Protein backbone atom coordinates (compact mmCIF):
# COMPACT_ATOMS: atom_id res chain seq x y z
CA MET A 1 -109.16 85.38 -153.83
CA LYS A 2 -110.39 86.94 -156.97
CA GLN A 3 -112.42 84.92 -159.57
CA VAL A 4 -114.13 86.05 -162.78
CA VAL A 5 -117.42 85.00 -163.90
CA VAL A 6 -118.66 85.59 -167.54
CA VAL A 7 -122.28 86.12 -168.22
CA LYS A 8 -123.82 86.66 -171.52
CA LEU A 9 -125.82 89.85 -172.07
CA VAL A 10 -129.04 89.80 -174.56
CA PRO A 11 -129.43 93.23 -175.73
CA GLU A 12 -132.41 94.43 -178.20
CA SER A 13 -131.07 96.04 -181.39
CA GLU A 14 -130.92 99.40 -180.10
CA GLN A 15 -129.20 98.48 -176.72
CA ALA A 16 -126.64 96.44 -179.06
CA ALA A 17 -126.09 99.35 -181.18
CA SER A 18 -125.54 101.81 -178.30
CA LEU A 19 -123.14 99.23 -176.57
CA LEU A 20 -121.10 99.07 -179.81
CA ARG A 21 -120.96 103.00 -180.05
CA THR A 22 -119.80 102.90 -176.26
CA LEU A 23 -117.06 100.55 -176.84
CA GLU A 24 -115.68 102.34 -180.01
CA ALA A 25 -115.91 105.85 -178.32
CA PHE A 26 -114.28 104.48 -174.96
CA ASN A 27 -111.36 102.63 -177.30
CA ALA A 28 -111.13 105.82 -179.56
CA ALA A 29 -110.39 107.88 -176.29
CA CYS A 30 -107.68 105.19 -175.12
CA ASN A 31 -105.84 105.65 -178.41
CA TRP A 32 -105.93 109.44 -178.13
CA ILE A 33 -105.03 109.21 -174.48
CA ALA A 34 -102.18 106.72 -175.07
CA SER A 35 -100.63 109.08 -177.58
CA VAL A 36 -100.63 111.91 -174.77
CA ALA A 37 -99.13 109.49 -172.58
CA PHE A 38 -96.51 108.46 -174.98
CA LEU A 39 -95.66 111.94 -175.77
CA GLU A 40 -95.16 112.97 -172.06
CA ARG A 41 -93.71 109.85 -171.24
CA THR A 42 -95.92 109.22 -168.31
CA ALA A 43 -98.04 106.19 -166.74
CA ASN A 44 -98.99 108.30 -163.60
CA LYS A 45 -102.89 108.28 -163.68
CA PHE A 46 -103.13 111.56 -161.84
CA LYS A 47 -100.39 113.27 -163.85
CA LEU A 48 -102.18 112.04 -167.07
CA GLN A 49 -105.58 112.99 -165.82
CA LYS A 50 -104.45 116.91 -165.68
CA PHE A 51 -103.66 116.58 -169.77
CA VAL A 52 -106.51 114.54 -170.96
CA TYR A 53 -109.41 114.23 -168.63
CA GLN A 54 -111.84 117.29 -169.70
CA GLU A 55 -110.88 116.80 -173.45
CA ALA A 56 -111.46 112.98 -173.59
CA ARG A 57 -115.03 113.77 -172.18
CA ASP A 58 -115.70 116.54 -174.73
CA ARG A 59 -114.21 114.84 -177.75
CA PHE A 60 -115.59 111.29 -177.33
CA GLY A 61 -118.74 112.02 -175.11
CA LEU A 62 -117.79 109.91 -172.20
CA SER A 63 -119.04 110.40 -168.72
CA SER A 64 -116.58 111.51 -165.68
CA GLN A 65 -116.06 107.86 -164.78
CA MET A 66 -115.65 106.51 -168.31
CA ALA A 67 -112.82 108.95 -168.75
CA ILE A 68 -111.41 107.84 -165.43
CA ARG A 69 -111.47 104.09 -166.52
CA ALA A 70 -109.98 104.86 -170.00
CA ILE A 71 -107.16 106.73 -168.30
CA ALA A 72 -106.41 103.90 -165.91
CA LYS A 73 -106.44 101.42 -168.78
CA VAL A 74 -104.04 103.40 -170.95
CA CYS A 75 -101.63 103.74 -167.85
CA GLU A 76 -101.77 99.97 -167.35
CA ALA A 77 -100.96 99.08 -170.96
CA TYR A 78 -98.19 101.85 -171.16
CA LYS A 79 -96.42 100.52 -167.78
CA ARG A 80 -96.14 97.20 -169.55
CA ASP A 81 -93.78 98.56 -172.11
CA ARG A 82 -92.96 102.29 -172.40
CA ARG A 83 -90.86 101.82 -175.68
CA ILE A 84 -94.05 101.45 -177.67
CA LEU A 85 -97.35 103.51 -178.17
CA PRO A 86 -100.02 101.43 -176.69
CA ALA A 87 -103.01 100.57 -179.42
CA PHE A 88 -106.49 99.56 -178.52
CA ARG A 89 -108.86 97.74 -180.93
CA PRO A 90 -112.32 99.52 -181.64
CA HIS A 91 -114.09 96.61 -179.81
CA GLY A 92 -111.64 96.06 -177.13
CA ALA A 93 -112.86 95.31 -173.49
CA MET A 94 -114.10 98.20 -171.55
CA PRO A 95 -113.85 98.07 -167.76
CA TYR A 96 -116.92 99.05 -165.67
CA ASP A 97 -116.81 99.87 -161.86
CA GLN A 98 -119.63 99.86 -159.29
CA ARG A 99 -120.15 103.58 -160.30
CA ILE A 100 -121.24 102.90 -163.83
CA TYR A 101 -122.63 99.38 -163.70
CA SER A 102 -124.78 97.20 -161.29
CA LEU A 103 -126.67 94.13 -161.31
CA THR A 104 -130.55 94.12 -160.80
CA GLY A 105 -131.28 90.95 -159.06
CA LEU A 106 -129.51 88.22 -160.83
CA ASP A 107 -131.27 88.48 -164.15
CA SER A 108 -130.27 91.72 -165.61
CA ALA A 109 -127.19 94.25 -165.38
CA SER A 110 -127.62 97.95 -165.75
CA LEU A 111 -124.64 99.68 -167.56
CA LEU A 112 -124.00 103.16 -168.51
CA THR A 113 -123.37 103.95 -172.19
CA VAL A 114 -122.79 106.91 -174.16
CA ASP A 115 -126.40 107.31 -174.72
CA GLY A 116 -127.44 106.78 -171.10
CA ARG A 117 -128.20 103.81 -169.05
CA VAL A 118 -129.44 100.54 -170.48
CA LEU A 119 -131.06 97.55 -168.66
CA LEU A 120 -129.81 94.21 -170.29
CA PRO A 121 -131.03 90.77 -169.54
CA MET A 122 -128.30 88.24 -168.78
CA ARG A 123 -127.80 84.29 -169.16
CA PHE A 124 -125.93 82.13 -167.12
CA GLY A 125 -125.73 78.86 -165.40
CA GLN A 126 -126.34 77.60 -162.02
CA SER A 127 -122.72 77.48 -160.88
CA GLN A 128 -122.48 81.18 -162.02
CA ALA A 129 -125.46 82.21 -160.23
CA ALA A 130 -124.20 80.99 -156.89
CA MET A 131 -121.07 83.15 -157.56
CA LEU A 132 -122.80 86.13 -158.51
CA ASP A 133 -124.30 86.20 -154.91
CA ARG A 134 -120.90 87.00 -153.54
CA LYS A 135 -119.08 90.46 -153.28
CA ARG A 136 -118.72 91.92 -156.65
CA GLY A 137 -115.79 94.08 -157.95
CA GLN A 138 -115.15 95.48 -161.34
CA ALA A 139 -116.62 94.20 -164.59
CA ASP A 140 -115.40 94.18 -168.40
CA LEU A 141 -117.80 94.54 -171.16
CA LEU A 142 -116.68 92.27 -173.82
CA TYR A 143 -117.70 91.85 -177.48
CA ARG A 144 -116.87 88.64 -179.14
CA ASP A 145 -118.30 87.11 -182.48
CA GLY A 146 -121.22 89.31 -182.60
CA GLU A 147 -122.25 88.62 -179.01
CA PHE A 148 -122.11 90.78 -175.75
CA TYR A 149 -120.66 89.48 -172.39
CA LEU A 150 -119.86 90.97 -168.84
CA SER A 151 -116.86 89.48 -167.18
CA ILE A 152 -117.45 90.00 -163.37
CA SER A 153 -114.91 89.74 -160.72
CA VAL A 154 -115.88 88.23 -157.35
CA ASP A 155 -114.60 87.64 -154.13
CA VAL A 156 -114.27 83.95 -153.46
CA PRO A 157 -113.40 82.60 -149.58
CA GLU A 158 -110.02 80.68 -149.80
CA PRO A 159 -109.39 78.18 -147.31
CA VAL A 160 -106.03 77.78 -145.69
CA PRO A 161 -103.93 74.97 -147.88
CA ALA A 162 -103.54 71.81 -145.83
CA GLU A 163 -99.80 71.15 -144.90
CA SER A 164 -98.72 68.39 -147.05
CA SER A 165 -95.68 66.08 -146.69
CA GLU A 166 -96.47 64.02 -149.89
CA PHE A 167 -97.03 65.49 -153.25
CA LEU A 168 -98.70 64.58 -156.76
CA GLY A 169 -96.02 65.17 -159.12
CA VAL A 170 -97.01 66.68 -162.63
CA ASP A 171 -94.75 66.55 -165.54
CA LEU A 172 -95.76 68.78 -168.81
CA GLY A 173 -94.75 67.24 -172.11
CA ILE A 174 -95.27 67.13 -175.72
CA VAL A 175 -97.25 63.68 -176.40
CA ASN A 176 -99.10 63.91 -173.13
CA ILE A 177 -100.04 67.39 -171.88
CA ALA A 178 -99.63 66.37 -168.39
CA THR A 179 -98.38 62.96 -166.46
CA THR A 180 -98.62 62.32 -162.85
CA SER A 181 -96.50 60.69 -160.60
CA ASP A 182 -99.19 57.76 -160.13
CA GLY A 183 -99.10 57.08 -163.88
CA GLU A 184 -102.19 58.91 -165.10
CA SER A 185 -101.75 60.61 -168.34
CA PHE A 186 -103.96 63.28 -169.86
CA ALA A 187 -104.40 64.12 -173.55
CA GLY A 188 -102.42 62.39 -175.94
CA ARG A 189 -102.80 61.26 -179.55
CA GLY A 190 -106.42 62.39 -180.05
CA VAL A 191 -105.57 65.80 -178.96
CA GLN A 192 -102.28 65.92 -180.89
CA ASN A 193 -104.54 65.11 -184.17
CA VAL A 194 -106.78 67.91 -183.34
CA ARG A 195 -103.85 70.32 -182.77
CA ALA A 196 -102.39 69.19 -186.17
CA ARG A 197 -105.67 69.73 -187.89
CA TYR A 198 -105.98 73.19 -186.66
CA SER A 199 -102.25 73.80 -187.39
CA ARG A 200 -102.67 72.58 -191.22
CA LEU A 201 -105.70 74.75 -191.63
CA ARG A 202 -104.19 77.99 -190.16
CA ALA A 203 -101.41 77.38 -192.66
CA LYS A 204 -103.62 77.17 -195.54
CA LEU A 205 -105.51 80.23 -194.79
CA GLN A 206 -102.38 82.27 -193.81
CA SER A 207 -101.00 81.18 -197.50
CA LYS A 208 -104.12 82.65 -198.92
CA GLY A 209 -103.92 86.07 -197.40
CA THR A 210 -107.32 87.13 -198.56
CA LYS A 211 -109.89 89.12 -196.36
CA SER A 212 -112.18 86.22 -196.20
CA ALA A 213 -109.15 83.88 -195.37
CA THR A 214 -108.30 86.65 -192.71
CA ARG A 215 -111.71 86.53 -191.08
CA LEU A 216 -112.08 82.82 -190.85
CA LEU A 217 -108.35 82.74 -189.75
CA ARG A 218 -109.47 84.87 -186.70
CA LYS A 219 -112.73 82.79 -186.30
CA ARG A 220 -110.56 79.22 -185.98
CA ARG A 221 -108.19 80.88 -183.79
CA ARG A 222 -110.61 81.70 -181.37
CA ARG A 223 -112.17 78.15 -181.58
CA GLU A 224 -108.76 76.59 -181.08
CA GLN A 225 -108.41 79.06 -177.98
CA ARG A 226 -111.76 77.46 -176.68
CA PHE A 227 -110.49 74.14 -177.19
CA GLN A 228 -107.24 74.66 -175.42
CA ARG A 229 -108.92 76.64 -172.48
CA ASP A 230 -111.75 73.77 -172.06
CA LEU A 231 -109.05 70.73 -171.92
CA ASN A 232 -106.80 72.79 -169.67
CA HIS A 233 -109.81 73.38 -167.31
CA ARG A 234 -110.58 69.68 -167.42
CA ILE A 235 -107.05 68.42 -166.91
CA SER A 236 -106.41 70.81 -163.88
CA LYS A 237 -109.77 70.10 -162.38
CA ALA A 238 -108.93 66.40 -162.41
CA LEU A 239 -105.36 67.01 -160.88
CA VAL A 240 -106.82 69.09 -158.07
CA ALA A 241 -109.47 66.51 -157.53
CA ARG A 242 -106.72 63.47 -157.50
CA ALA A 243 -104.37 65.38 -155.17
CA LYS A 244 -107.23 66.70 -152.31
CA GLY A 245 -108.66 62.84 -152.65
CA THR A 246 -105.30 61.47 -151.46
CA SER A 247 -104.45 64.44 -149.08
CA ARG A 248 -101.49 65.53 -151.10
CA GLY A 249 -100.13 68.86 -152.35
CA ILE A 250 -99.28 69.34 -156.26
CA ALA A 251 -95.88 69.46 -157.54
CA LEU A 252 -95.41 71.34 -160.80
CA GLU A 253 -92.55 72.44 -162.69
CA ASP A 254 -91.57 75.94 -162.86
CA LEU A 255 -93.53 76.87 -166.03
CA LYS A 256 -91.79 79.92 -166.95
CA ALA A 257 -89.09 78.44 -168.97
CA ILE A 258 -90.83 75.25 -170.66
CA ARG A 259 -90.22 76.39 -174.01
CA GLU A 260 -86.65 77.61 -173.59
CA ARG A 261 -85.70 74.47 -171.93
CA VAL A 262 -87.10 71.74 -174.05
CA THR A 263 -85.25 70.73 -177.00
CA VAL A 264 -87.49 69.29 -179.79
CA ARG A 265 -86.97 68.19 -183.45
CA ARG A 266 -87.92 70.99 -186.07
CA ALA A 267 -91.35 68.90 -186.72
CA GLN A 268 -92.24 69.21 -183.06
CA ARG A 269 -91.76 72.97 -182.60
CA ARG A 270 -95.37 73.59 -183.41
CA VAL A 271 -96.35 71.29 -180.76
CA ILE A 272 -94.45 72.56 -177.67
CA HIS A 273 -95.06 76.21 -178.75
CA SER A 274 -98.78 76.02 -179.54
CA TRP A 275 -99.94 74.85 -176.13
CA ALA A 276 -101.14 77.12 -173.43
CA PHE A 277 -98.69 75.64 -170.67
CA HIS A 278 -98.92 78.64 -168.50
CA GLN A 279 -102.64 78.81 -168.58
CA LEU A 280 -102.65 75.28 -167.44
CA GLY A 281 -100.45 75.95 -164.63
CA SER A 282 -102.55 79.10 -163.53
CA PHE A 283 -105.67 77.03 -163.69
CA VAL A 284 -104.09 74.20 -161.41
CA GLU A 285 -103.05 76.97 -158.94
CA TYR A 286 -106.43 78.96 -158.67
CA LYS A 287 -108.41 75.62 -158.44
CA ALA A 288 -106.08 74.23 -155.74
CA ARG A 289 -106.25 77.24 -153.78
CA LEU A 290 -109.92 77.07 -153.92
CA ALA A 291 -109.74 73.51 -152.68
CA GLY A 292 -107.12 74.21 -149.82
CA VAL A 293 -104.67 71.93 -151.84
CA LYS A 294 -100.93 73.15 -151.28
CA VAL A 295 -99.02 73.88 -154.72
CA VAL A 296 -95.30 73.83 -155.16
CA PHE A 297 -93.29 74.80 -157.91
CA VAL A 298 -89.77 72.82 -158.32
CA ASP A 299 -86.83 73.44 -160.44
CA PRO A 300 -87.34 71.60 -163.65
CA ARG A 301 -83.64 70.96 -164.40
CA ASN A 302 -82.68 67.47 -165.21
CA THR A 303 -86.29 65.91 -164.22
CA SER A 304 -86.37 63.85 -167.13
CA ARG A 305 -82.69 62.53 -166.81
CA THR A 306 -82.89 61.82 -163.07
CA CYS A 307 -83.41 58.48 -161.54
CA PRO A 308 -85.97 58.53 -158.69
CA GLU A 309 -84.38 55.26 -157.37
CA CYS A 310 -80.57 55.96 -157.09
CA GLY A 311 -80.52 59.61 -157.94
CA CYS A 312 -78.34 59.18 -161.05
CA ILE A 313 -78.47 61.96 -163.62
CA ASP A 314 -77.25 61.19 -166.92
CA LYS A 315 -78.47 62.04 -170.51
CA ALA A 316 -78.02 58.50 -171.26
CA ASN A 317 -80.92 57.64 -168.93
CA ARG A 318 -83.41 58.87 -171.40
CA PRO A 319 -82.67 56.73 -174.63
CA ASN A 320 -85.80 57.98 -176.25
CA GLN A 321 -88.62 60.26 -175.91
CA SER A 322 -90.99 57.52 -174.21
CA GLN A 323 -88.54 55.26 -172.09
CA PHE A 324 -86.37 56.02 -169.06
CA SER A 325 -83.71 53.47 -168.17
CA CYS A 326 -81.15 54.05 -165.55
CA VAL A 327 -77.43 53.39 -166.53
CA SER A 328 -76.60 53.11 -163.05
CA CYS A 329 -79.16 50.95 -161.24
CA GLY A 330 -81.18 49.68 -163.98
CA PHE A 331 -84.49 51.02 -163.06
CA SER A 332 -86.82 51.73 -166.09
CA ALA A 333 -90.19 53.34 -166.48
CA ASN A 334 -92.15 55.54 -168.72
CA ALA A 335 -90.23 58.80 -169.10
CA ASP A 336 -93.12 61.11 -168.35
CA GLU A 337 -94.09 59.10 -165.27
CA ASN A 338 -90.41 58.99 -164.19
CA ALA A 339 -90.06 62.69 -164.50
CA ALA A 340 -93.30 63.37 -162.48
CA ARG A 341 -91.97 61.14 -159.72
CA VAL A 342 -88.89 63.16 -159.50
CA ILE A 343 -91.05 66.21 -159.35
CA ALA A 344 -92.71 64.75 -156.66
CA THR A 345 -89.85 64.05 -154.62
CA ARG A 346 -88.19 67.49 -155.08
CA ALA A 347 -91.31 68.95 -153.81
CA GLY A 348 -90.98 67.11 -150.50
CA LEU A 349 -87.34 68.38 -149.79
CA PRO A 350 -86.93 70.76 -147.02
CA CYS A 351 -86.36 73.79 -149.13
CA HIS A 352 -89.96 73.37 -150.39
CA ALA A 353 -91.48 72.07 -147.25
CA ALA A 354 -92.20 75.55 -145.87
């Protein structure tokens, strides 16, 4: 499977200026190529190349391979929605393939720019160094908060998932981001307070509408995204470790419709719509694949209203947000833990066992 390693580049001032000029020229070329693609109504790389290749090189000073990468990036963006003209930020990510970048040992990267090749020192941790020893693919040059990064795709050996007849069920929710069928909860009140603080600050900055407020809003948004990403990594790592340590698979709800199927009060809409549930699911899935743990996605309908003991499905089984109490057999439990147990049970049914 493919995995991404992000390393920090440490350019000198002249090198940094050259990287910025390269990003600006590349993305300006992408915007022009996109206008041609939109006019010609084509997302075919080979067809589009006939219209734009030479002019993209001449007008924006791109090398031959840079022009090819720009055409490919435009086609990928245009294919996602042919109704609109794709737009690219001046400092948006720029893809590099092996023809225009290479690693010199494990301490520096050689990148082609509009001014020629530059050799850039890299900074990364021990775990990243081990991954960089593997076969490498395409890389993306990133510019974030005045710093340059290289996001490198590497091939990672993927073990065959162990067959599992038992599963660790995981329920995603509002108060607790994740709760397992073993009764373990992740996040909770502390994280809700942080998210509420971010929300209040975001609303305050949006109401001002000044340039400085907009800049601060972008900075805060990136900080909030890093907070979510870090917490999702920690939760997914713990879930996979728990499942692997008990020789079970992981059962998740189908995450595609979590926002549509959850009914919440107006005051809770921010909470359910502001968390990256899809990101959490993807983190669990790829970490499980690396660990050889089987992952199953189950139908999420009525998981919060189903009794794991007698199978009774009734809206009255959920008298409030935190409590489950079966109206048929009297079984009671924490509502999130109960839903996780139902998810684990569904994963073990014949239709999911294959």
